[in-house]
Amino acid sequence: MTQNTPRTPPPQVWPTLRALGAYVVTDDPDAVYARASAAGAKILMEPHETDYWSRDFAAADPEGNRWSFGTYRGEPRLAG
């Protein structure tokens, strides 16, 4: 029998869990892509230039989570 702890959701929650996505900022997405490809990652989107001046690619891990990597750091914050 599985014991429920704060880190383990009760069994009735598991069917509602879904895969997640994350965007990781990197200065060299092509190097990350090369490493991920060499390691056998499932590439979802090849490296490409975006219309917001970022270089991005996307991959999935074995659990189905989507990992996007790129150079976009977001909109600069205003001083204040």
PDB file of N, CA and C in Angstrom:
ATOM      1  N   MET A   1       0.851  -1.181   0.000  1.00  0.00           N
ATOM      2  CA  MET A   1       0.000   0.000   0.000  1.00  0.00           C
ATOM      3  C   MET A   1       0.894   1.241   0.000  1.00  0.00           C
ATOM      4  N   THR A   2       0.550   2.232  -0.821  1.00  0.00           N
ATOM      5  CA  THR A   2       1.320   3.459  -0.906  1.00  0.00           C
ATOM      6  C   THR A   2       0.874   4.422   0.182  1.00  0.00           C
ATOM      7  N   GLN A   3       1.841   4.940   0.903  1.00  0.00           N
ATOM      8  CA  GLN A   3       1.530   5.908   1.950  1.00  0.00           C
ATOM      9  C   GLN A   3       1.498   7.303   1.334  1.00  0.00           C
ATOM     10  N   ASN A   4       0.446   8.075   1.638  1.00  0.00           N
ATOM     11  CA  ASN A   4       0.341   9.429   1.131  1.00  0.00           C
ATOM     12  C   ASN A   4       1.141  10.373   2.026  1.00  0.00           C
ATOM     13  N   THR A   5       2.034  11.116   1.405  1.00  0.00           N
ATOM     14  CA  THR A   5       2.834  12.114   2.103  1.00  0.00           C
ATOM     15  C   THR A   5       2.601  13.441   1.406  1.00  0.00           C
ATOM     16  N   PRO A   6       3.085  14.552   1.967  1.00  0.00           N
ATOM     17  CA  PRO A   6       2.905  15.842   1.288  1.00  0.00           C
ATOM     18  C   PRO A   6       3.482  15.855  -0.129  1.00  0.00           C
ATOM     19  N   ARG A   7       4.469  15.003  -0.418  1.00  0.00           N
ATOM     20  CA  ARG A   7       5.073  14.972  -1.744  1.00  0.00           C
ATOM     21  C   ARG A   7       4.363  14.009  -2.698  1.00  0.00           C
ATOM     22  N   THR A   8       3.481  13.173  -2.183  1.00  0.00           N
ATOM     23  CA  THR A   8       2.792  12.196  -3.008  1.00  0.00           C
ATOM     24  C   THR A   8       1.290  12.486  -2.989  1.00  0.00           C
ATOM     25  N   PRO A   9       0.725  12.948  -4.117  1.00  0.00           N
ATOM     26  CA  PRO A   9      -0.720  13.182  -4.138  1.00  0.00           C
ATOM     27  C   PRO A   9      -1.479  11.879  -3.931  1.00  0.00           C
ATOM     28  N   PRO A  10      -2.678  11.956  -3.382  1.00  0.00           N
ATOM     29  CA  PRO A  10      -3.471  10.736  -3.237  1.00  0.00           C
ATOM     30  C   PRO A  10      -3.774  10.138  -4.616  1.00  0.00           C
ATOM     31  N   PRO A  11      -4.004   8.826  -4.694  1.00  0.00           N
ATOM     32  CA  PRO A  11      -4.189   8.155  -5.985  1.00  0.00           C
ATOM     33  C   PRO A  11      -5.273   8.772  -6.870  1.00  0.00           C
ATOM     34  N   GLN A  12      -6.333   9.308  -6.291  1.00  0.00           N
ATOM     35  CA  GLN A  12      -7.414   9.858  -7.118  1.00  0.00           C
ATOM     36  C   GLN A  12      -6.986  11.141  -7.852  1.00  0.00           C
ATOM     37  N   VAL A  13      -5.858  11.743  -7.496  1.00  0.00           N
ATOM     38  CA  VAL A  13      -5.374  12.949  -8.165  1.00  0.00           C
ATOM     39  C   VAL A  13      -4.578  12.610  -9.420  1.00  0.00           C
ATOM     40  N   TRP A  14      -3.902  11.483  -9.452  1.00  0.00           N
ATOM     41  CA  TRP A  14      -3.022  11.149 -10.571  1.00  0.00           C
ATOM     42  C   TRP A  14      -3.680  11.250 -11.940  1.00  0.00           C
ATOM     43  N   PRO A  15      -4.918  10.789 -12.139  1.00  0.00           N
ATOM     44  CA  PRO A  15      -5.487  10.887 -13.489  1.00  0.00           C
ATOM     45  C   PRO A  15      -5.651  12.316 -13.990  1.00  0.00           C
ATOM     46  N   THR A  16      -5.672  13.309 -13.103  1.00  0.00           N
ATOM     47  CA  THR A  16      -5.865  14.694 -13.521  1.00  0.00           C
ATOM     48  C   THR A  16      -4.548  15.411 -13.812  1.00  0.00           C
ATOM     49  N   LEU A  17      -3.422  14.807 -13.492  1.00  0.00           N
ATOM     50  CA  LEU A  17      -2.141  15.456 -13.740  1.00  0.00           C
ATOM     51  C   LEU A  17      -1.835  15.453 -15.227  1.00  0.00           C
ATOM     52  N   ARG A  18      -1.249  16.543 -15.702  1.00  0.00           N
ATOM     53  CA  ARG A  18      -0.899  16.680 -17.112  1.00  0.00           C
ATOM     54  C   ARG A  18       0.579  17.014 -17.227  1.00  0.00           C
ATOM     55  N   ALA A  19       1.103  16.917 -18.425  1.00  0.00           N
ATOM     56  CA  ALA A  19       2.484  17.311 -18.681  1.00  0.00           C
ATOM     57  C   ALA A  19       2.592  18.828 -18.568  1.00  0.00           C
ATOM     58  N   LEU A  20       3.784  19.277 -18.286  1.00  0.00           N
ATOM     59  CA  LEU A  20       4.045  20.702 -18.120  1.00  0.00           C
ATOM     60  C   LEU A  20       4.978  21.202 -19.213  1.00  0.00           C
ATOM     61  N   GLY A  21       5.125  22.499 -19.279  1.00  0.00           N
ATOM     62  CA  GLY A  21       6.057  23.109 -20.213  1.00  0.00           C
ATOM     63  C   GLY A  21       6.893  24.158 -19.502  1.00  0.00           C
ATOM     64  N   ALA A  22       8.101  24.344 -19.971  1.00  0.00           N
ATOM     65  CA  ALA A  22       8.993  25.345 -19.383  1.00  0.00           C
ATOM     66  C   ALA A  22       9.813  25.992 -20.487  1.00  0.00           C
ATOM     67  N   TYR A  23      10.157  27.260 -20.281  1.00  0.00           N
ATOM     68  CA  TYR A  23      11.031  27.979 -21.211  1.00  0.00           C
ATOM     69  C   TYR A  23      12.319  28.290 -20.464  1.00  0.00           C
ATOM     70  N   VAL A  24      13.431  27.841 -21.011  1.00  0.00           N
ATOM     71  CA  VAL A  24      14.738  28.034 -20.386  1.00  0.00           C
ATOM     72  C   VAL A  24      15.545  29.003 -21.246  1.00  0.00           C
ATOM     73  N   VAL A  25      15.999  30.093 -20.635  1.00  0.00           N
ATOM     74  CA  VAL A  25      16.801  31.080 -21.358  1.00  0.00           C
ATOM     75  C   VAL A  25      18.249  30.617 -21.396  1.00  0.00           C
ATOM     76  N   THR A  26      18.836  30.671 -22.582  1.00  0.00           N
ATOM     77  CA  THR A  26      20.233  30.296 -22.754  1.00  0.00           C
ATOM     78  C   THR A  26      20.869  31.218 -23.784  1.00  0.00           C
ATOM     79  N   ASP A  27      22.141  31.497 -23.619  1.00  0.00           N
ATOM     80  CA  ASP A  27      22.863  32.316 -24.586  1.00  0.00           C
ATOM     81  C   ASP A  27      23.231  31.533 -25.841  1.00  0.00           C
ATOM     82  N   ASP A  28      23.200  30.199 -25.767  1.00  0.00           N
ATOM     83  CA  ASP A  28      23.615  29.374 -26.905  1.00  0.00           C
ATOM     84  C   ASP A  28      22.660  28.197 -27.112  1.00  0.00           C
ATOM     85  N   PRO A  29      21.457  28.468 -27.632  1.00  0.00           N
ATOM     86  CA  PRO A  29      20.508  27.367 -27.823  1.00  0.00           C
ATOM     87  C   PRO A  29      20.996  26.315 -28.808  1.00  0.00           C
ATOM     88  N   ASP A  30      21.863  26.686 -29.739  1.00  0.00           N
ATOM     89  CA  ASP A  30      22.370  25.685 -30.680  1.00  0.00           C
ATOM     90  C   ASP A  30      23.248  24.657 -29.982  1.00  0.00           C
ATOM     91  N   ALA A  31      24.022  25.077 -28.996  1.00  0.00           N
ATOM     92  CA  ALA A  31      24.840  24.135 -28.226  1.00  0.00           C
ATOM     93  C   ALA A  31      23.953  23.228 -27.372  1.00  0.00           C
ATOM     94  N   VAL A  32      22.906  23.794 -26.777  1.00  0.00           N
ATOM     95  CA  VAL A  32      21.973  22.983 -25.982  1.00  0.00           C
ATOM     96  C   VAL A  32      21.263  21.980 -26.893  1.00  0.00           C
ATOM     97  N   TYR A  33      20.856  22.435 -28.072  1.00  0.00           N
ATOM     98  CA  TYR A  33      20.216  21.552 -29.050  1.00  0.00           C
ATOM     99  C   TYR A  33      21.144  20.394 -29.426  1.00  0.00           C
ATOM    100  N   ALA A  34      22.413  20.700 -29.687  1.00  0.00           N
ATOM    101  CA  ALA A  34      23.370  19.653 -30.059  1.00  0.00           C
ATOM    102  C   ALA A  34      23.502  18.616 -28.951  1.00  0.00           C
ATOM    103  N   ARG A  35      23.589  19.078 -27.712  1.00  0.00           N
ATOM    104  CA  ARG A  35      23.701  18.145 -26.571  1.00  0.00           C
ATOM    105  C   ARG A  35      22.434  17.315 -26.415  1.00  0.00           C
ATOM    106  N   ALA A  36      21.269  17.983 -26.513  1.00  0.00           N
ATOM    107  CA  ALA A  36      19.993  17.277 -26.358  1.00  0.00           C
ATOM    108  C   ALA A  36      19.813  16.235 -27.462  1.00  0.00           C
ATOM    109  N   SER A  37      20.124  16.614 -28.692  1.00  0.00           N
ATOM    110  CA  SER A  37      20.002  15.677 -29.819  1.00  0.00           C
ATOM    111  C   SER A  37      20.934  14.488 -29.656  1.00  0.00           C
ATOM    112  N   ALA A  38      22.172  14.764 -29.258  1.00  0.00           N
ATOM    113  CA  ALA A  38      23.148  13.690 -29.072  1.00  0.00           C
ATOM    114  C   ALA A  38      22.728  12.733 -27.960  1.00  0.00           C
ATOM    115  N   ALA A  39      21.995  13.253 -26.975  1.00  0.00           N
ATOM    116  CA  ALA A  39      21.543  12.426 -25.858  1.00  0.00           C
ATOM    117  C   ALA A  39      20.255  11.672 -26.183  1.00  0.00           C
ATOM    118  N   GLY A  40      19.708  11.895 -27.385  1.00  0.00           N
ATOM    119  CA  GLY A  40      18.510  11.163 -27.792  1.00  0.00           C
ATOM    120  C   GLY A  40      17.202  11.841 -27.452  1.00  0.00           C
ATOM    121  N   ALA A  41      17.221  13.134 -27.163  1.00  0.00           N
ATOM    122  CA  ALA A  41      15.982  13.839 -26.834  1.00  0.00           C
ATOM    123  C   ALA A  41      15.022  13.821 -28.016  1.00  0.00           C
ATOM    124  N   LYS A  42      13.735  13.820 -27.717  1.00  0.00           N
ATOM    125  CA  LYS A  42      12.716  13.907 -28.760  1.00  0.00           C
ATOM    126  C   LYS A  42      12.567  15.388 -29.111  1.00  0.00           C
ATOM    127  N   ILE A  43      13.049  15.776 -30.267  1.00  0.00           N
ATOM    128  CA  ILE A  43      13.005  17.169 -30.686  1.00  0.00           C
ATOM    129  C   ILE A  43      11.624  17.461 -31.273  1.00  0.00           C
ATOM    130  N   LEU A  44      10.945  18.446 -30.700  1.00  0.00           N
ATOM    131  CA  LEU A  44       9.615  18.822 -31.160  1.00  0.00           C
ATOM    132  C   LEU A  44       9.656  19.947 -32.187  1.00  0.00           C
ATOM    133  N   MET A  45      10.661  20.823 -32.066  1.00  0.00           N
ATOM    134  CA  MET A  45      10.817  21.943 -32.980  1.00  0.00           C
ATOM    135  C   MET A  45      12.302  22.207 -33.157  1.00  0.00           C
ATOM    136  N   GLU A  46      12.756  22.174 -34.385  1.00  0.00           N
ATOM    137  CA  GLU A  46      14.166  22.428 -34.692  1.00  0.00           C
ATOM    138  C   GLU A  46      14.522  23.884 -34.364  1.00  0.00           C
ATOM    139  N   PRO A  47      15.803  24.177 -34.152  1.00  0.00           N
ATOM    140  CA  PRO A  47      16.198  25.560 -33.894  1.00  0.00           C
ATOM    141  C   PRO A  47      15.743  26.480 -35.024  1.00  0.00           C
ATOM    142  N   HIS A  48      15.243  27.645 -34.634  1.00  0.00           N
ATOM    143  CA  HIS A  48      14.736  28.607 -35.611  1.00  0.00           C
ATOM    144  C   HIS A  48      14.771  30.015 -35.012  1.00  0.00           C
ATOM    145  N   GLU A  49      14.718  30.994 -35.891  1.00  0.00           N
ATOM    146  CA  GLU A  49      14.633  32.391 -35.483  1.00  0.00           C
ATOM    147  C   GLU A  49      13.150  32.742 -35.337  1.00  0.00           C
ATOM    148  N   THR A  50      12.809  33.444 -34.266  1.00  0.00           N
ATOM    149  CA  THR A  50      11.424  33.861 -34.050  1.00  0.00           C
ATOM    150  C   THR A  50      11.226  35.288 -34.548  1.00  0.00           C
ATOM    151  N   ASP A  51       9.970  35.727 -34.570  1.00  0.00           N
ATOM    152  CA  ASP A  51       9.684  37.101 -34.976  1.00  0.00           C
ATOM    153  C   ASP A  51       9.915  38.104 -33.840  1.00  0.00           C
ATOM    154  N   TYR A  52      10.348  37.627 -32.686  1.00  0.00           N
ATOM    155  CA  TYR A  52      10.693  38.521 -31.576  1.00  0.00           C
ATOM    156  C   TYR A  52      12.189  38.420 -31.246  1.00  0.00           C
ATOM    157  N   TRP A  53      12.994  38.134 -32.266  1.00  0.00           N
ATOM    158  CA  TRP A  53      14.461  38.146 -32.216  1.00  0.00           C
ATOM    159  C   TRP A  53      15.053  37.157 -31.222  1.00  0.00           C
ATOM    160  N   SER A  54      14.456  36.000 -31.125  1.00  0.00           N
ATOM    161  CA  SER A  54      14.990  34.931 -30.283  1.00  0.00           C
ATOM    162  C   SER A  54      15.329  33.750 -31.178  1.00  0.00           C
ATOM    163  N   ARG A  55      16.263  32.956 -30.735  1.00  0.00           N
ATOM    164  CA  ARG A  55      16.569  31.678 -31.397  1.00  0.00           C
ATOM    165  C   ARG A  55      16.092  30.601 -30.447  1.00  0.00           C
ATOM    166  N   ASP A  56      15.168  29.766 -30.894  1.00  0.00           N
ATOM    167  CA  ASP A  56      14.490  28.795 -30.031  1.00  0.00           C
ATOM    168  C   ASP A  56      14.508  27.392 -30.629  1.00  0.00           C
ATOM    169  N   PHE A  57      14.316  26.409 -29.748  1.00  0.00           N
ATOM    170  CA  PHE A  57      13.965  25.044 -30.150  1.00  0.00           C
ATOM    171  C   PHE A  57      13.191  24.419 -29.008  1.00  0.00           C
ATOM    172  N   ALA A  58      12.531  23.302 -29.267  1.00  0.00           N
ATOM    173  CA  ALA A  58      11.734  22.638 -28.230  1.00  0.00           C
ATOM    174  C   ALA A  58      11.977  21.135 -28.272  1.00  0.00           C
ATOM    175  N   ALA A  59      11.922  20.525 -27.085  1.00  0.00           N
ATOM    176  CA  ALA A  59      12.116  19.084 -26.941  1.00  0.00           C
ATOM    177  C   ALA A  59      11.162  18.564 -25.874  1.00  0.00           C
ATOM    178  N   ALA A  60      10.943  17.253 -25.882  1.00  0.00           N
ATOM    179  CA  ALA A  60      10.100  16.612 -24.865  1.00  0.00           C
ATOM    180  C   ALA A  60      10.936  15.621 -24.075  1.00  0.00           C
ATOM    181  N   ASP A  61      10.657  15.536 -22.779  1.00  0.00           N
ATOM    182  CA  ASP A  61      11.327  14.530 -21.961  1.00  0.00           C
ATOM    183  C   ASP A  61      10.480  13.250 -21.962  1.00  0.00           C
ATOM    184  N   PRO A  62      10.980  12.172 -21.372  1.00  0.00           N
ATOM    185  CA  PRO A  62      10.246  10.896 -21.424  1.00  0.00           C
ATOM    186  C   PRO A  62       8.853  10.941 -20.794  1.00  0.00           C
ATOM    187  N   GLU A  63       8.602  11.890 -19.891  1.00  0.00           N
ATOM    188  CA  GLU A  63       7.291  12.006 -19.249  1.00  0.00           C
ATOM    189  C   GLU A  63       6.322  12.853 -20.067  1.00  0.00           C
ATOM    190  N   GLY A  64       6.772  13.388 -21.209  1.00  0.00           N
ATOM    191  CA  GLY A  64       5.904  14.187 -22.051  1.00  0.00           C
ATOM    192  C   GLY A  64       5.935  15.678 -21.762  1.00  0.00           C
ATOM    193  N   ASN A  65       6.787  16.102 -20.848  1.00  0.00           N
ATOM    194  CA  ASN A  65       6.913  17.527 -20.573  1.00  0.00           C
ATOM    195  C   ASN A  65       7.628  18.207 -21.732  1.00  0.00           C
ATOM    196  N   ARG A  66       7.192  19.419 -22.058  1.00  0.00           N
ATOM    197  CA  ARG A  66       7.786  20.181 -23.160  1.00  0.00           C
ATOM    198  C   ARG A  66       8.786  21.178 -22.580  1.00  0.00           C
ATOM    199  N   TRP A  67       9.985  21.143 -23.111  1.00  0.00           N
ATOM    200  CA  TRP A  67      11.051  22.054 -22.719  1.00  0.00           C
ATOM    201  C   TRP A  67      11.398  22.915 -23.930  1.00  0.00           C
ATOM    202  N   SER A  68      11.228  24.219 -23.798  1.00  0.00           N
ATOM    203  CA  SER A  68      11.604  25.150 -24.857  1.00  0.00           C
ATOM    204  C   SER A  68      12.848  25.894 -24.399  1.00  0.00           C
ATOM    205  N   PHE A  69      13.789  26.070 -25.298  1.00  0.00           N
ATOM    206  CA  PHE A  69      15.047  26.754 -24.993  1.00  0.00           C
ATOM    207  C   PHE A  69      15.210  27.888 -25.989  1.00  0.00           C
ATOM    208  N   GLY A  70      15.670  29.033 -25.506  1.00  0.00           N
ATOM    209  CA  GLY A  70      15.868  30.144 -26.415  1.00  0.00           C
ATOM    210  C   GLY A  70      16.582  31.317 -25.777  1.00  0.00           C
ATOM    211  N   THR A  71      16.807  32.309 -26.595  1.00  0.00           N
ATOM    212  CA  THR A  71      17.566  33.490 -26.156  1.00  0.00           C
ATOM    213  C   THR A  71      16.675  34.617 -25.645  1.00  0.00           C
ATOM    214  N   TYR A  72      15.356  34.491 -25.773  1.00  0.00           N
ATOM    215  CA  TYR A  72      14.452  35.577 -25.362  1.00  0.00           C
ATOM    216  C   TYR A  72      14.422  35.712 -23.845  1.00  0.00           C
ATOM    217  N   ARG A  73      14.799  36.875 -23.351  1.00  0.00           N
ATOM    218  CA  ARG A  73      14.843  37.128 -21.904  1.00  0.00           C
ATOM    219  C   ARG A  73      13.646  37.910 -21.394  1.00  0.00           C
ATOM    220  N   GLY A  74      12.696  38.161 -22.262  1.00  0.00           N
ATOM    221  CA  GLY A  74      11.501  38.911 -21.835  1.00  0.00           C
ATOM    222  C   GLY A  74      11.689  40.403 -22.044  1.00  0.00           C
ATOM    223  N   GLU A  75      10.621  41.108 -21.822  1.00  0.00           N
ATOM    224  CA  GLU A  75      10.617  42.553 -21.961  1.00  0.00           C
ATOM    225  C   GLU A  75      11.416  43.180 -20.830  1.00  0.00           C
ATOM    226  N   PRO A  76      12.281  44.156 -21.130  1.00  0.00           N
ATOM    227  CA  PRO A  76      13.034  44.797 -20.044  1.00  0.00           C
ATOM    228  C   PRO A  76      12.087  45.482 -19.054  1.00  0.00           C
ATOM    229  N   ARG A  77      12.438  45.401 -17.789  1.00  0.00           N
ATOM    230  CA  ARG A  77      11.628  46.065 -16.758  1.00  0.00           C
ATOM    231  C   ARG A  77      11.959  47.546 -16.722  1.00  0.00           C
ATOM    232  N   LEU A  78      10.945  48.341 -16.472  1.00  0.00           N
ATOM    233  CA  LEU A  78      11.147  49.773 -16.347  1.00  0.00           C
ATOM    234  C   LEU A  78      11.664  50.090 -14.952  1.00  0.00           C
ATOM    235  N   ALA A  79      12.582  51.033 -14.881  1.00  0.00           N
ATOM    236  CA  ALA A  79      13.097  51.462 -13.580  1.00  0.00           C
ATOM    237  C   ALA A  79      11.975  52.154 -12.821  1.00  0.00           C
ATOM    238  N   GLY A  80      11.980  51.955 -11.544  1.00  0.00           N
ATOM    239  CA  GLY A  80      10.916  52.676 -10.832  1.00  0.00           C
ATOM    240  C   GLY A  80      10.608  52.100  -9.575  1.00  0.00           C
TER     241      GLY A  80
END
